[in-house]
């Protein structure tokens, strides 16, 4: 494992869990996937159904939350287990 990965993780960990979840989960997954699926709908059907946009936001926010939370846990376990093994 490279030290640069650990340095990046330590910087992100300083943001705190809440900010990490927002910046690396809710925004990219929630907003990003909502925009992408809305664009696909617009290209395919030449219109966007406004009923689906809030539903997509809620669904993709949940997905983003769980992805970012799992990533946080994995990185915490990965780097904290290494720091405990090395005195």
N, C-alpha and C. Protein backbone atom coordinates (compact mmCIF):
# COMPACT_ATOMS: atom_id res chain seq x y z
N UNK A 1 0.85 -1.17 0.00
CA UNK A 1 0.00 0.00 0.00
C UNK A 1 0.90 1.24 0.00
N UNK A 2 0.52 2.16 -0.80
CA UNK A 2 1.33 3.36 -0.93
C UNK A 2 1.02 4.35 0.20
N UNK A 3 2.03 5.09 0.55
CA UNK A 3 1.85 6.13 1.58
C UNK A 3 0.96 7.26 1.08
N UNK A 4 0.95 7.49 -0.24
CA UNK A 4 0.10 8.56 -0.79
C UNK A 4 -1.37 8.26 -0.56
N UNK A 5 -1.75 6.97 -0.62
CA UNK A 5 -3.13 6.59 -0.35
C UNK A 5 -3.50 6.90 1.11
N UNK A 6 -2.56 6.62 1.98
CA UNK A 6 -2.80 6.88 3.39
C UNK A 6 -2.90 8.37 3.65
N UNK A 7 -2.05 9.16 2.99
CA UNK A 7 -2.10 10.62 3.15
C UNK A 7 -3.43 11.18 2.65
N UNK A 8 -3.89 10.69 1.52
CA UNK A 8 -5.19 11.14 0.98
C UNK A 8 -6.30 10.79 1.96
N UNK A 9 -6.25 9.57 2.49
CA UNK A 9 -7.29 9.16 3.44
C UNK A 9 -7.27 10.02 4.70
N UNK A 10 -6.08 10.32 5.20
CA UNK A 10 -5.99 11.13 6.42
C UNK A 10 -6.55 12.53 6.20
N UNK A 11 -6.32 13.10 5.00
CA UNK A 11 -6.90 14.41 4.69
C UNK A 11 -8.42 14.33 4.63
N UNK A 12 -8.92 13.29 4.01
CA UNK A 12 -10.37 13.13 3.92
C UNK A 12 -10.98 12.83 5.28
N UNK A 13 -10.26 12.11 6.11
CA UNK A 13 -10.77 11.79 7.45
C UNK A 13 -10.88 13.05 8.30
N UNK A 14 -10.01 14.03 8.05
CA UNK A 14 -10.06 15.28 8.79
C UNK A 14 -11.33 16.07 8.49
N UNK A 15 -11.93 15.83 7.33
CA UNK A 15 -13.20 16.49 7.01
C UNK A 15 -14.29 16.10 7.99
N UNK A 16 -14.21 14.89 8.48
CA UNK A 16 -15.25 14.36 9.34
C UNK A 16 -16.17 13.47 8.53
N UNK A 17 -16.84 12.60 9.22
CA UNK A 17 -17.69 11.61 8.55
C UNK A 17 -18.86 12.27 7.82
N UNK A 18 -19.49 13.24 8.43
CA UNK A 18 -20.66 13.89 7.81
C UNK A 18 -20.29 14.58 6.51
N UNK A 19 -19.24 15.38 6.54
CA UNK A 19 -18.82 16.07 5.32
C UNK A 19 -18.34 15.08 4.27
N UNK A 20 -17.68 14.03 4.69
CA UNK A 20 -17.23 13.00 3.76
C UNK A 20 -18.43 12.37 3.06
N UNK A 21 -19.46 12.04 3.82
CA UNK A 21 -20.65 11.43 3.23
C UNK A 21 -21.32 12.36 2.23
N UNK A 22 -21.35 13.64 2.54
CA UNK A 22 -21.97 14.59 1.63
C UNK A 22 -21.12 14.78 0.38
N UNK A 23 -19.82 15.00 0.56
CA UNK A 23 -18.94 15.31 -0.57
C UNK A 23 -18.63 14.12 -1.47
N UNK A 24 -18.58 12.93 -0.89
CA UNK A 24 -18.19 11.76 -1.68
C UNK A 24 -19.32 10.75 -1.84
N UNK A 25 -20.49 11.04 -1.31
CA UNK A 25 -21.62 10.13 -1.46
C UNK A 25 -22.85 10.82 -2.00
N UNK A 26 -23.38 11.73 -1.22
CA UNK A 26 -24.65 12.35 -1.60
C UNK A 26 -24.55 13.20 -2.86
N UNK A 27 -23.55 14.05 -2.93
CA UNK A 27 -23.45 14.92 -4.11
C UNK A 27 -23.12 14.18 -5.39
N UNK A 28 -22.03 13.41 -5.43
CA UNK A 28 -21.74 12.76 -6.71
C UNK A 28 -22.75 11.68 -7.09
N UNK A 29 -23.16 10.88 -6.13
CA UNK A 29 -24.10 9.81 -6.46
C UNK A 29 -25.52 10.34 -6.59
N UNK A 30 -25.95 11.12 -5.62
CA UNK A 30 -27.32 11.63 -5.64
C UNK A 30 -27.59 12.57 -6.79
N UNK A 31 -26.85 13.65 -6.84
CA UNK A 31 -27.06 14.63 -7.90
C UNK A 31 -26.56 14.13 -9.24
N UNK A 32 -25.42 13.50 -9.24
CA UNK A 32 -24.83 13.03 -10.49
C UNK A 32 -25.70 12.03 -11.22
N UNK A 33 -26.15 11.01 -10.50
CA UNK A 33 -26.99 10.00 -11.14
C UNK A 33 -28.36 10.55 -11.50
N UNK A 34 -28.88 11.48 -10.72
CA UNK A 34 -30.15 12.10 -11.07
C UNK A 34 -30.03 12.88 -12.37
N UNK A 35 -28.95 13.64 -12.52
CA UNK A 35 -28.74 14.40 -13.75
C UNK A 35 -28.55 13.45 -14.93
N UNK A 36 -27.75 12.40 -14.75
CA UNK A 36 -27.50 11.47 -15.84
C UNK A 36 -28.78 10.76 -16.29
N UNK A 37 -29.56 10.26 -15.33
CA UNK A 37 -30.79 9.56 -15.70
C UNK A 37 -31.82 10.52 -16.29
N UNK A 38 -31.83 11.75 -15.83
CA UNK A 38 -32.75 12.74 -16.41
C UNK A 38 -32.33 13.08 -17.84
N UNK A 39 -31.03 13.18 -18.08
CA UNK A 39 -30.55 13.42 -19.45
C UNK A 39 -30.88 12.25 -20.37
N UNK A 40 -30.74 11.04 -19.86
CA UNK A 40 -31.10 9.86 -20.66
C UNK A 40 -32.59 9.88 -20.97
N UNK A 41 -33.41 10.25 -19.99
CA UNK A 41 -34.85 10.35 -20.21
C UNK A 41 -35.16 11.44 -21.25
N UNK A 42 -34.48 12.55 -21.14
CA UNK A 42 -34.70 13.65 -22.08
C UNK A 42 -34.31 13.24 -23.50
N UNK A 43 -33.18 12.57 -23.65
CA UNK A 43 -32.74 12.13 -24.97
C UNK A 43 -33.68 11.05 -25.53
N UNK A 44 -34.10 10.14 -24.67
CA UNK A 44 -34.95 9.03 -25.13
C UNK A 44 -36.38 9.46 -25.43
N UNK A 45 -36.98 10.23 -24.54
CA UNK A 45 -38.40 10.56 -24.65
C UNK A 45 -38.67 12.01 -25.03
N UNK A 46 -37.61 12.81 -25.14
CA UNK A 46 -37.71 14.22 -25.51
C UNK A 46 -38.50 15.05 -24.48
N UNK A 47 -38.56 14.56 -23.25
CA UNK A 47 -39.16 15.31 -22.15
C UNK A 47 -38.72 14.69 -20.83
N UNK A 48 -38.84 15.47 -19.78
CA UNK A 48 -38.52 14.98 -18.44
C UNK A 48 -39.80 15.01 -17.62
N UNK A 49 -40.14 13.88 -17.04
CA UNK A 49 -41.31 13.79 -16.19
C UNK A 49 -40.93 14.35 -14.81
N UNK A 50 -41.53 15.48 -14.41
CA UNK A 50 -41.11 16.12 -13.15
C UNK A 50 -41.44 15.30 -11.90
N UNK A 51 -42.28 14.30 -12.02
CA UNK A 51 -42.61 13.46 -10.87
C UNK A 51 -41.42 12.56 -10.51
N UNK A 52 -40.65 12.17 -11.52
CA UNK A 52 -39.55 11.24 -11.30
C UNK A 52 -38.30 11.89 -10.73
N UNK A 53 -38.13 13.17 -10.91
CA UNK A 53 -36.90 13.84 -10.46
C UNK A 53 -36.73 13.75 -8.94
N UNK A 54 -37.74 14.11 -8.13
CA UNK A 54 -37.55 13.96 -6.67
C UNK A 54 -37.40 12.50 -6.24
N UNK A 55 -38.09 11.60 -6.94
CA UNK A 55 -37.95 10.18 -6.60
C UNK A 55 -36.52 9.71 -6.87
N UNK A 56 -35.96 10.15 -7.99
CA UNK A 56 -34.56 9.81 -8.30
C UNK A 56 -33.61 10.39 -7.26
N UNK A 57 -33.85 11.63 -6.88
CA UNK A 57 -32.98 12.26 -5.88
C UNK A 57 -32.96 11.45 -4.59
N UNK A 58 -34.13 11.10 -4.11
CA UNK A 58 -34.21 10.34 -2.85
C UNK A 58 -33.52 8.99 -3.00
N UNK A 59 -33.83 8.28 -4.08
CA UNK A 59 -33.24 6.96 -4.29
C UNK A 59 -31.72 7.03 -4.41
N UNK A 60 -31.23 7.95 -5.23
CA UNK A 60 -29.79 8.04 -5.45
C UNK A 60 -29.06 8.64 -4.25
N UNK A 61 -29.72 9.48 -3.45
CA UNK A 61 -29.11 9.95 -2.21
C UNK A 61 -28.89 8.78 -1.25
N UNK A 62 -29.89 7.90 -1.16
CA UNK A 62 -29.73 6.72 -0.31
C UNK A 62 -28.59 5.84 -0.80
N UNK A 63 -28.54 5.61 -2.10
CA UNK A 63 -27.46 4.80 -2.67
C UNK A 63 -26.10 5.45 -2.37
N UNK A 64 -26.01 6.76 -2.59
CA UNK A 64 -24.77 7.47 -2.32
C UNK A 64 -24.36 7.42 -0.87
N UNK A 65 -25.34 7.54 0.01
CA UNK A 65 -25.05 7.45 1.45
C UNK A 65 -24.45 6.11 1.80
N UNK A 66 -25.06 5.04 1.32
CA UNK A 66 -24.57 3.71 1.67
C UNK A 66 -23.23 3.39 1.03
N UNK A 67 -23.01 3.86 -0.19
CA UNK A 67 -21.72 3.65 -0.85
C UNK A 67 -20.61 4.39 -0.10
N UNK A 68 -20.85 5.66 0.22
CA UNK A 68 -19.84 6.46 0.92
C UNK A 68 -19.61 5.93 2.34
N UNK A 69 -20.65 5.50 2.99
CA UNK A 69 -20.51 4.96 4.34
C UNK A 69 -19.70 3.67 4.32
N UNK A 70 -19.96 2.81 3.34
CA UNK A 70 -19.19 1.58 3.23
C UNK A 70 -17.72 1.89 2.91
N UNK A 71 -17.50 2.88 2.07
CA UNK A 71 -16.13 3.29 1.73
C UNK A 71 -15.41 3.84 2.96
N UNK A 72 -16.11 4.66 3.75
CA UNK A 72 -15.53 5.21 4.98
C UNK A 72 -15.11 4.06 5.91
N UNK A 73 -16.02 3.11 6.12
CA UNK A 73 -15.72 1.99 7.01
C UNK A 73 -14.53 1.18 6.49
N UNK A 74 -14.51 0.92 5.19
CA UNK A 74 -13.43 0.13 4.61
C UNK A 74 -12.08 0.83 4.77
N UNK A 75 -12.06 2.13 4.50
CA UNK A 75 -10.80 2.86 4.61
C UNK A 75 -10.36 2.98 6.06
N UNK A 76 -11.31 3.18 6.95
CA UNK A 76 -10.97 3.25 8.37
C UNK A 76 -10.37 1.93 8.83
N UNK A 77 -11.00 0.83 8.47
CA UNK A 77 -10.48 -0.48 8.87
C UNK A 77 -9.12 -0.76 8.23
N UNK A 78 -8.98 -0.37 6.99
CA UNK A 78 -7.74 -0.63 6.25
C UNK A 78 -6.54 0.09 6.86
N UNK A 79 -6.71 1.36 7.16
CA UNK A 79 -5.58 2.15 7.63
C UNK A 79 -5.40 2.09 9.13
N UNK A 80 -6.46 1.90 9.88
CA UNK A 80 -6.30 1.80 11.33
C UNK A 80 -5.75 0.45 11.73
N UNK A 81 -6.09 -0.60 10.99
CA UNK A 81 -5.52 -1.91 11.30
C UNK A 81 -4.02 -1.91 11.02
N UNK A 82 -3.59 -1.18 9.97
CA UNK A 82 -2.16 -1.08 9.66
C UNK A 82 -1.42 -0.30 10.73
N UNK A 83 -2.01 0.76 11.22
CA UNK A 83 -1.33 1.58 12.22
C UNK A 83 -1.25 0.86 13.55
N UNK A 84 -2.20 -0.04 13.83
CA UNK A 84 -2.14 -0.79 15.08
C UNK A 84 -1.12 -1.92 15.01
N UNK A 85 -0.89 -2.46 13.80
CA UNK A 85 0.07 -3.54 13.66
C UNK A 85 1.49 -3.04 13.75
N UNK A 86 1.73 -1.83 13.25
CA UNK A 86 3.09 -1.28 13.27
C UNK A 86 3.27 -0.39 14.50
N UNK A 87 4.20 -0.77 15.35
CA UNK A 87 4.40 0.08 16.55
C UNK A 87 5.12 1.37 16.25
